[in-house]
Protein backbone atom coordinates (compact mmCIF):
# COMPACT_ATOMS: atom_id res chain seq x y z
CA MET A 1 45.41 -91.94 -83.94
CA LEU A 2 45.62 -88.59 -85.69
CA GLU A 3 46.97 -88.28 -89.19
CA ASP A 4 49.49 -85.60 -90.21
CA THR A 5 46.75 -83.11 -91.04
CA CYS A 6 47.00 -81.32 -87.71
CA ASP A 7 48.97 -81.06 -84.51
CA LEU A 8 47.27 -80.78 -81.12
CA THR A 9 50.50 -79.62 -79.43
CA PRO A 10 51.68 -75.98 -79.50
CA PRO A 11 54.25 -75.42 -82.29
CA ALA A 12 57.90 -74.70 -81.45
CA THR A 13 58.33 -72.56 -84.57
CA LEU A 14 56.06 -70.10 -86.33
CA ALA A 15 54.30 -72.10 -89.05
CA ALA A 16 52.17 -71.23 -92.05
CA GLY A 17 48.47 -71.70 -91.43
CA ARG A 18 48.82 -71.21 -87.67
CA PRO A 19 47.69 -68.18 -85.63
CA VAL A 20 50.32 -65.65 -84.57
CA ILE A 21 50.44 -62.77 -82.10
CA PHE A 22 52.57 -59.71 -82.84
CA ILE A 23 53.45 -57.70 -79.72
CA ASP A 24 54.75 -54.12 -79.97
CA ARG A 25 56.92 -52.18 -77.51
CA ARG A 26 53.82 -51.11 -75.58
CA ARG A 27 52.85 -54.79 -75.24
CA ARG A 28 49.77 -54.42 -77.42
CA GLU A 29 48.75 -57.62 -79.17
CA PHE A 30 47.79 -58.08 -82.83
CA HIS A 31 46.38 -61.42 -84.02
CA ASP A 32 46.58 -62.98 -87.47
CA VAL A 33 46.96 -66.34 -89.22
CA LEU A 34 50.30 -66.78 -91.00
CA GLN A 35 50.02 -67.25 -94.77
CA PRO A 36 52.84 -67.16 -97.37
CA GLY A 37 52.83 -63.91 -99.31
CA ARG A 38 50.54 -62.10 -96.88
CA THR A 39 51.22 -59.18 -94.55
CA THR A 40 49.71 -58.00 -91.27
CA ASN A 41 48.87 -54.32 -91.04
CA VAL A 42 49.80 -53.12 -87.54
CA ARG A 43 48.85 -49.44 -87.32
CA GLY A 44 50.37 -48.73 -90.73
CA ASP A 45 53.29 -51.14 -90.36
CA ARG A 46 53.29 -54.01 -92.84
CA LEU A 47 54.74 -57.16 -91.27
CA ALA A 48 55.54 -59.72 -93.96
CA HIS A 49 54.52 -63.24 -93.05
CA ASP A 50 57.33 -64.68 -95.18
CA ASP A 51 59.80 -63.04 -92.79
CA VAL A 52 58.14 -64.77 -89.84
CA ILE A 53 57.28 -68.28 -91.08
CA GLY A 54 59.88 -70.76 -89.88
CA GLN A 55 61.27 -68.45 -87.20
CA PRO A 56 61.44 -69.58 -83.55
CA ASP A 57 58.47 -68.86 -81.31
CA GLY A 58 59.01 -65.39 -79.84
CA ALA A 59 61.20 -64.17 -82.71
CA ARG A 60 62.20 -60.53 -83.07
CA VAL A 61 60.59 -58.85 -86.08
CA GLU A 62 61.53 -55.46 -87.55
CA SER A 63 58.98 -53.61 -89.66
CA PRO A 64 59.83 -51.56 -92.80
CA ARG A 65 59.52 -48.48 -90.56
CA GLY A 66 62.14 -49.84 -88.19
CA ARG A 67 59.73 -50.67 -85.36
CA ILE A 68 60.46 -53.79 -83.34
CA TYR A 69 57.87 -56.48 -82.60
CA ARG A 70 57.88 -59.95 -81.08
CA ALA A 71 56.06 -62.73 -82.91
CA PHE A 72 54.62 -65.55 -80.80
CA ALA A 73 52.51 -68.54 -81.71
CA ALA A 74 49.06 -67.61 -80.41
CA THR A 75 47.97 -69.44 -77.29
CA LEU A 76 44.53 -70.97 -77.10
CA VAL A 77 43.42 -68.05 -74.93
CA GLN A 78 44.68 -65.49 -77.44
CA HIS A 79 43.23 -67.26 -80.47
CA ALA A 80 39.85 -67.67 -78.78
CA LEU A 81 39.68 -63.98 -77.86
CA TYR A 82 40.86 -62.55 -81.20
CA MET A 83 39.53 -65.01 -83.82
CA LYS A 84 36.53 -64.17 -85.99
CA ARG A 85 33.28 -65.05 -84.25
CA HIS A 86 29.99 -66.31 -85.54
CA ALA A 87 28.58 -66.34 -82.01
CA THR A 88 29.68 -65.22 -78.55
CA ILE A 89 32.38 -67.54 -77.25
CA ILE A 90 32.70 -69.21 -73.88
CA TYR A 91 35.48 -67.07 -72.42
CA PRO A 92 38.78 -68.62 -71.27
CA LYS A 93 38.01 -67.84 -67.63
CA ASP A 94 35.02 -70.21 -67.93
CA LEU A 95 36.59 -72.75 -70.28
CA ALA A 96 39.33 -73.74 -67.84
CA PRO A 97 37.00 -74.47 -64.88
CA MET A 98 34.65 -76.36 -67.21
CA LEU A 99 37.49 -78.70 -68.20
CA MET A 100 38.51 -79.22 -64.57
CA TRP A 101 35.09 -79.61 -62.93
CA ALA A 102 33.87 -81.86 -65.76
CA ASP A 103 37.09 -83.87 -65.36
CA ILE A 104 37.84 -83.89 -69.09
CA ALA A 105 40.82 -86.20 -69.71
CA PRO A 106 42.88 -87.70 -72.56
CA GLY A 107 41.20 -90.52 -74.45
CA GLN A 108 37.63 -89.63 -73.51
CA THR A 109 34.64 -89.55 -75.84
CA VAL A 110 32.82 -86.22 -75.49
CA VAL A 111 29.54 -85.04 -77.02
CA GLU A 112 29.31 -81.26 -77.43
CA GLY A 113 26.06 -79.39 -78.00
CA GLY A 114 26.63 -76.11 -79.87
CA PHE A 115 29.67 -75.30 -82.02
CA GLY A 116 29.43 -71.51 -81.68
CA SER A 117 32.75 -70.04 -82.81
CA GLY A 118 34.78 -73.10 -81.82
CA ALA A 119 36.44 -72.03 -78.55
CA MET A 120 35.01 -74.89 -76.48
CA SER A 121 35.79 -77.41 -79.22
CA MET A 122 39.44 -76.36 -79.32
CA ALA A 123 39.77 -76.65 -75.55
CA LEU A 124 38.13 -80.08 -75.57
CA LEU A 125 40.21 -81.38 -78.48
CA ARG A 126 43.48 -80.35 -76.88
CA THR A 127 42.46 -81.96 -73.58
CA ILE A 128 41.15 -85.29 -74.89
CA GLY A 129 44.16 -85.60 -77.20
CA PRO A 130 44.56 -87.75 -80.31
CA ALA A 131 43.19 -90.86 -78.57
CA GLY A 132 39.93 -89.12 -77.66
CA ARG A 133 36.86 -88.39 -79.76
CA LEU A 134 34.72 -85.26 -79.97
CA ILE A 135 31.25 -85.25 -81.55
CA THR A 136 29.81 -81.74 -81.96
CA TYR A 137 26.15 -81.03 -82.76
CA GLU A 138 25.32 -77.68 -84.38
CA LEU A 139 22.03 -76.55 -85.91
CA GLN A 140 23.31 -73.72 -88.13
CA GLU A 141 25.45 -74.47 -91.18
CA ALA A 142 26.94 -70.96 -91.11
CA ALA A 143 28.16 -71.58 -87.55
CA VAL A 144 29.70 -74.89 -88.60
CA ASN A 145 31.63 -73.26 -91.44
CA ALA A 146 32.89 -70.34 -89.33
CA ALA A 147 33.83 -72.41 -86.29
CA ARG A 148 35.53 -75.10 -88.37
CA LYS A 149 37.82 -72.44 -89.89
CA ASN A 150 38.82 -71.27 -86.40
CA VAL A 151 39.51 -74.81 -85.20
CA GLU A 152 41.50 -75.79 -88.28
CA ALA A 153 43.53 -72.57 -88.13
CA PHE A 154 44.52 -73.23 -84.53
CA PHE A 155 45.52 -76.87 -85.10
CA GLY A 156 46.98 -76.38 -88.56
CA GLY A 157 44.39 -78.43 -90.46
CA PRO A 158 41.37 -80.73 -90.09
CA VAL A 159 41.22 -82.71 -86.85
CA PRO A 160 40.41 -86.37 -87.66
CA ASN A 161 38.97 -87.22 -84.24
CA HIS A 162 36.48 -84.32 -84.39
CA GLU A 163 33.13 -85.15 -85.97
CA VAL A 164 30.72 -82.26 -86.59
CA ARG A 165 27.07 -83.16 -87.11
CA LEU A 166 24.64 -80.66 -88.59
CA GLY A 167 21.56 -81.31 -86.50
CA ASP A 168 19.51 -80.46 -83.42
CA ILE A 169 20.80 -82.02 -80.19
CA TYR A 170 17.32 -81.41 -78.71
CA ASP A 171 16.13 -84.26 -80.94
CA GLY A 172 18.39 -86.80 -79.25
CA ILE A 173 21.93 -88.15 -78.87
CA PRO A 174 22.37 -91.51 -80.61
CA GLU A 175 25.83 -92.12 -79.09
CA ARG A 176 26.01 -94.42 -76.07
CA GLU A 177 28.53 -94.91 -73.25
CA VAL A 178 30.13 -91.52 -73.80
CA ASP A 179 32.27 -90.07 -71.03
CA ARG A 180 31.07 -86.46 -71.05
CA VAL A 181 28.32 -84.26 -72.50
CA VAL A 182 29.09 -80.52 -72.72
CA LEU A 183 26.30 -78.09 -73.61
CA ASP A 184 26.32 -74.49 -74.80
CA VAL A 185 22.75 -74.25 -76.08
CA PRO A 186 19.82 -71.97 -75.13
CA GLU A 187 17.73 -74.74 -73.51
CA PRO A 188 20.10 -77.32 -72.00
CA TRP A 189 17.31 -78.79 -69.86
CA SER A 190 15.80 -80.17 -73.07
CA VAL A 191 18.93 -82.31 -73.50
CA VAL A 192 18.92 -83.80 -69.99
CA PRO A 193 16.95 -86.99 -70.89
CA HIS A 194 19.11 -87.54 -73.99
CA ALA A 195 22.31 -87.00 -71.98
CA ALA A 196 21.13 -89.52 -69.38
CA ASN A 197 20.81 -92.15 -72.11
CA ALA A 198 24.10 -91.25 -73.78
CA LEU A 199 26.38 -91.03 -70.74
CA ARG A 200 28.12 -94.02 -69.21
CA ASP A 201 27.66 -94.67 -65.51
CA GLY A 202 29.56 -91.98 -63.64
CA GLY A 203 29.73 -89.71 -66.69
CA ILE A 204 29.39 -85.95 -66.29
CA LEU A 205 26.95 -83.52 -67.87
CA THR A 206 28.08 -79.88 -68.11
CA ALA A 207 26.09 -76.85 -69.22
CA TYR A 208 27.04 -73.21 -69.78
CA VAL A 209 24.22 -70.65 -69.57
CA PRO A 210 24.20 -66.83 -69.36
CA THR A 211 21.14 -66.18 -67.15
CA THR A 212 19.88 -67.18 -63.71
CA LEU A 213 16.55 -68.45 -65.05
CA GLN A 214 18.36 -70.80 -67.46
CA LEU A 215 20.61 -71.96 -64.64
CA GLN A 216 17.62 -72.64 -62.39
CA LYS A 217 15.69 -74.57 -65.00
CA PHE A 218 18.68 -76.74 -65.91
CA ALA A 219 19.56 -77.43 -62.27
CA LEU A 220 15.97 -78.42 -61.47
CA ALA A 221 15.84 -80.67 -64.54
CA VAL A 222 18.89 -82.71 -63.53
CA ARG A 223 17.84 -82.86 -59.87
CA GLU A 224 14.43 -84.22 -60.82
CA HIS A 225 15.79 -86.75 -63.31
CA PRO A 226 16.36 -90.20 -61.75
CA GLY A 227 19.48 -90.74 -63.87
CA PHE A 228 21.49 -87.95 -62.24
CA ALA A 229 22.78 -87.87 -58.68
CA THR A 230 24.66 -84.59 -58.12
CA THR A 231 24.36 -80.92 -59.04
CA GLU A 232 26.93 -78.13 -58.73
CA CYS A 233 26.60 -74.56 -60.06
CA LEU A 234 29.43 -72.03 -60.40
CA GLU A 235 30.15 -68.48 -61.52
CA ILE A 236 33.73 -67.39 -62.20
CA LEU A 237 34.94 -63.80 -61.69
CA LEU A 238 38.39 -62.80 -62.97
CA ARG A 239 40.43 -59.86 -61.69
CA SER A 240 43.89 -59.04 -63.00
CA TRP A 241 46.51 -57.07 -61.04
CA HIS A 242 48.71 -54.11 -61.90
CA VAL A 243 52.26 -54.78 -60.69
CA THR A 244 55.13 -52.27 -61.00
CA ARG A 245 58.13 -51.30 -58.90
CA GLU A 246 56.09 -48.46 -57.41
CA SER A 247 52.79 -50.20 -56.66
CA VAL A 248 50.84 -53.45 -56.54
CA ARG A 249 47.07 -53.07 -56.89
CA PRO A 250 44.05 -54.60 -58.63
CA ASP A 251 43.41 -53.38 -62.15
CA GLN A 252 40.62 -50.83 -62.39
CA GLN A 253 38.59 -53.14 -64.61
CA MET A 254 37.76 -56.82 -64.18
CA VAL A 255 35.93 -59.54 -66.07
CA GLY A 256 32.75 -60.07 -64.09
CA HIS A 257 29.73 -62.10 -65.10
CA THR A 258 29.91 -63.91 -68.43
CA GLY A 259 27.88 -67.01 -67.62
CA PHE A 260 27.07 -69.80 -65.18
CA ILE A 261 28.44 -73.33 -65.29
CA ALA A 262 26.49 -76.33 -64.00
CA PHE A 263 27.61 -79.94 -63.57
CA SER A 264 25.79 -83.18 -62.83
CA ARG A 265 26.95 -86.81 -62.46
CA ARG A 266 25.29 -89.80 -64.14
CA ALA A 267 24.17 -92.37 -61.59
CA ALA A 268 24.56 -96.10 -62.25
CA HIS A 269 21.38 -98.02 -62.96
CA PRO A 270 20.99 -101.76 -63.62
CA ASN A 271 18.63 -101.13 -66.54
CA ARG A 272 18.89 -97.59 -67.83
CA ASP A 273 16.41 -98.25 -70.65
CA ALA A 274 13.76 -98.77 -67.99
CA ILE A 275 14.41 -95.46 -66.22
CA PRO A 276 11.21 -93.40 -66.38
CA GLN A 277 11.63 -90.02 -68.06
CA PRO A 278 10.37 -87.07 -65.98
CA GLU A 279 7.52 -84.98 -67.24
CA PRO A 280 8.48 -81.58 -68.76
CA GLN A 281 8.49 -78.83 -66.15
CA PRO A 282 6.97 -75.36 -66.73
CA ASP A 283 9.27 -72.36 -66.94
CA PRO A 284 10.11 -70.92 -63.51
CA GLU A 285 8.23 -67.77 -62.60
CA PRO A 286 10.37 -64.61 -62.85
CA ALA A 287 11.32 -63.00 -59.57
CA ALA A 288 9.04 -60.18 -58.43
CA GLU A 289 10.35 -56.67 -58.98
CA PRO A 290 11.40 -54.88 -55.79
CA THR A 291 8.90 -52.26 -54.67
CA GLY A 292 11.11 -50.26 -52.36
């Protein structure tokens, strides 16, 4: 069980050390992390954190200039979009389907490849809950330090059931009988044999990749590996709508391609140590350029 160093549930009051969103009359959002004695500069307005800490979520805040704001505890979506980044995040529109299609659930043990800026880790930790366990592999120490700050800010402190290992997941996954493996690395196909050994029967391997060539190579790798039985590939497009009394229409801008998501299911095998490992496959040839 978790100690009192963090809280995986959203806070009911605005607390020190937790991310906050200030919203002005024009519904513009301004993100910060509440700290005693600090202020947030919102277009020249100085909002004192001491006036906000301990207030109910959604409290009314008046600036020294007399402008009115609302202060809300930042949601996971807001914190992921506004937090400082060491690397490009997996966007919320992709995080939610990844959790659903990979069937992430409370109490599971999940191995994550790539810490990035911490967005995926936060989504996983909230979903698996205090009874679950997350092991994250990251190659760059700078990424570990930056992402850990984002994770600890969102949950209010260190998360005891989150273990971060500084190392290369391409070299192997020593854990066994894990429920899920989630990858956000440049070459996820290199992890397929390791994931097959680490996953329990029926476990799910998930990979997030930005390009079609990466998607193709990963999909072919899992289809050709005797330890995996299914493959599904998705792309999520998000379009918001403008709704007023006078009109209802799509917004003029939408969030299009950010990446592809692929899933594969671990097949049961009576002796998984005896499963032959497939030979490495060459990179797929790039598509020919159109001539017309």
